[in-house]
Amino acid sequence: MMANLELYELEGCPYCAKVTDKLDELDLEYESHMVPRSHSERTEVEKISGQTGVPVLVDEEHGVEGMAESNDIVEYLEETYA
């Protein structure tokens, strides 16, 4: 099944790694967007989720337009795709 997932992440971010590990574990394809290191430049992710932290997950198919918090994302992925 081809999931239409997008993940906003940052290189070397442990919370992002937690989410990408779960995506890999569930064998889900996703589009990765690397955000700028500087929070002030993260306008795209702020527009989507209302904050500048990463990771942020977008899953349009299921009406998820910008879920933050790695624990919430991992839980969501398990509930939706496991």
C-alpha atoms as a PDB file:
ATOM      1  CA  MET A   1       0.000   0.000   0.000  1.00  0.00           C
ATOM      2  CA  MET A   2       1.352   3.360  -1.010  1.00  0.00           C
ATOM      3  CA  ALA A   3       0.969   5.820   1.842  1.00  0.00           C
ATOM      4  CA  ASN A   4       1.115   9.486   0.966  1.00  0.00           C
ATOM      5  CA  LEU A   5       3.226  10.528   3.935  1.00  0.00           C
ATOM      6  CA  GLU A   6       5.481  13.524   4.290  1.00  0.00           C
ATOM      7  CA  LEU A   7       7.914  14.084   7.126  1.00  0.00           C
ATOM      8  CA  TYR A   8       9.602  17.343   8.061  1.00  0.00           C
ATOM      9  CA  GLU A   9      12.829  16.477   9.806  1.00  0.00           C
ATOM     10  CA  LEU A  10      16.314  17.643  10.684  1.00  0.00           C
ATOM     11  CA  GLU A  11      19.583  15.790  10.156  1.00  0.00           C
ATOM     12  CA  GLY A  12      20.795  14.261  13.415  1.00  0.00           C
ATOM     13  CA  CYS A  13      17.566  14.908  15.332  1.00  0.00           C
ATOM     14  CA  PRO A  14      16.907  11.972  17.698  1.00  0.00           C
ATOM     15  CA  TYR A  15      13.144  12.593  17.762  1.00  0.00           C
ATOM     16  CA  CYS A  16      13.075  12.527  13.975  1.00  0.00           C
ATOM     17  CA  ALA A  17      15.094   9.303  13.980  1.00  0.00           C
ATOM     18  CA  LYS A  18      12.505   7.724  16.266  1.00  0.00           C
ATOM     19  CA  VAL A  19       9.831   8.489  13.675  1.00  0.00           C
ATOM     20  CA  THR A  20      11.881   7.397  10.641  1.00  0.00           C
ATOM     21  CA  ASP A  21      12.736   4.135  12.447  1.00  0.00           C
ATOM     22  CA  LYS A  22       9.012   3.484  12.907  1.00  0.00           C
ATOM     23  CA  LEU A  23       8.292   4.352   9.268  1.00  0.00           C
ATOM     24  CA  ASP A  24      10.989   1.906   8.167  1.00  0.00           C
ATOM     25  CA  GLU A  25       9.744  -0.749  10.572  1.00  0.00           C
ATOM     26  CA  LEU A  26       6.235  -0.467   9.106  1.00  0.00           C
ATOM     27  CA  ASP A  27       7.744  -0.419   5.612  1.00  0.00           C
ATOM     28  CA  LEU A  28       6.100   2.901   4.788  1.00  0.00           C
ATOM     29  CA  GLU A  29       7.300   5.133   2.008  1.00  0.00           C
ATOM     30  CA  TYR A  30       7.442   8.806   2.808  1.00  0.00           C
ATOM     31  CA  GLU A  31       8.701  12.030   1.372  1.00  0.00           C
ATOM     32  CA  SER A  32      11.323  13.670   3.533  1.00  0.00           C
ATOM     33  CA  HIS A  33      11.658  17.441   3.846  1.00  0.00           C
ATOM     34  CA  MET A  34      14.801  18.559   5.639  1.00  0.00           C
ATOM     35  CA  VAL A  35      14.164  21.787   7.541  1.00  0.00           C
ATOM     36  CA  PRO A  36      16.746  24.536   8.069  1.00  0.00           C
ATOM     37  CA  ARG A  37      18.740  24.298  11.289  1.00  0.00           C
ATOM     38  CA  SER A  38      17.669  27.800  12.267  1.00  0.00           C
ATOM     39  CA  HIS A  39      14.175  27.904  13.783  1.00  0.00           C
ATOM     40  CA  SER A  40      13.580  31.379  12.335  1.00  0.00           C
ATOM     41  CA  GLU A  41      13.946  29.965   8.816  1.00  0.00           C
ATOM     42  CA  ARG A  42      11.455  27.144   9.322  1.00  0.00           C
ATOM     43  CA  THR A  43       8.524  29.051   7.891  1.00  0.00           C
ATOM     44  CA  GLU A  44       7.192  26.082   5.918  1.00  0.00           C
ATOM     45  CA  VAL A  45       6.926  23.777   8.897  1.00  0.00           C
ATOM     46  CA  GLU A  46       5.459  26.584  11.014  1.00  0.00           C
ATOM     47  CA  LYS A  47       2.781  27.188   8.401  1.00  0.00           C
ATOM     48  CA  ILE A  48       1.830  23.513   8.541  1.00  0.00           C
ATOM     49  CA  SER A  49       1.981  22.775  12.256  1.00  0.00           C
ATOM     50  CA  GLY A  50       1.827  26.170  13.983  1.00  0.00           C
ATOM     51  CA  GLN A  51       5.267  25.666  15.542  1.00  0.00           C
ATOM     52  CA  THR A  52       8.875  25.264  14.420  1.00  0.00           C
ATOM     53  CA  GLY A  53       9.804  21.984  16.075  1.00  0.00           C
ATOM     54  CA  VAL A  54      10.400  18.783  14.157  1.00  0.00           C
ATOM     55  CA  PRO A  55       9.472  16.071  13.398  1.00  0.00           C
ATOM     56  CA  VAL A  56       6.160  16.986  11.793  1.00  0.00           C
ATOM     57  CA  LEU A  57       4.091  14.430   9.905  1.00  0.00           C
ATOM     58  CA  VAL A  58       1.632  15.132   7.101  1.00  0.00           C
ATOM     59  CA  ASP A  59      -0.762  12.373   6.047  1.00  0.00           C
ATOM     60  CA  GLU A  60      -3.309  14.006   3.746  1.00  0.00           C
ATOM     61  CA  GLU A  61      -5.154  10.754   3.094  1.00  0.00           C
ATOM     62  CA  HIS A  62      -6.160  10.641   6.752  1.00  0.00           C
ATOM     63  CA  GLY A  63      -6.607  14.378   7.254  1.00  0.00           C
ATOM     64  CA  VAL A  64      -3.371  14.849   9.210  1.00  0.00           C
ATOM     65  CA  GLU A  65      -2.086  18.254   8.180  1.00  0.00           C
ATOM     66  CA  GLY A  66       0.800  18.729  10.570  1.00  0.00           C
ATOM     67  CA  MET A  67       1.223  16.430  13.552  1.00  0.00           C
ATOM     68  CA  ALA A  68       4.114  17.283  15.860  1.00  0.00           C
ATOM     69  CA  GLU A  69       5.613  15.374  18.834  1.00  0.00           C
ATOM     70  CA  SER A  70       7.476  12.190  17.966  1.00  0.00           C
ATOM     71  CA  ASN A  71       5.570  10.062  20.496  1.00  0.00           C
ATOM     72  CA  ASP A  72       2.229  11.134  19.022  1.00  0.00           C
ATOM     73  CA  ILE A  73       3.462  10.447  15.505  1.00  0.00           C
ATOM     74  CA  VAL A  74       4.798   6.981  16.384  1.00  0.00           C
ATOM     75  CA  GLU A  75       1.526   6.129  18.131  1.00  0.00           C
ATOM     76  CA  TYR A  76      -0.464   7.412  15.163  1.00  0.00           C
ATOM     77  CA  LEU A  77       1.599   5.396  12.676  1.00  0.00           C
ATOM     78  CA  GLU A  78       1.128   2.223  14.720  1.00  0.00           C
ATOM     79  CA  GLU A  79      -2.609   2.751  15.036  1.00  0.00           C
ATOM     80  CA  THR A  80      -3.063   3.633  11.376  1.00  0.00           C
ATOM     81  CA  TYR A  81      -0.600   1.436   9.519  1.00  0.00           C
ATOM     82  CA  ALA A  82       0.529  -1.445  11.748  1.00  0.00           C
END
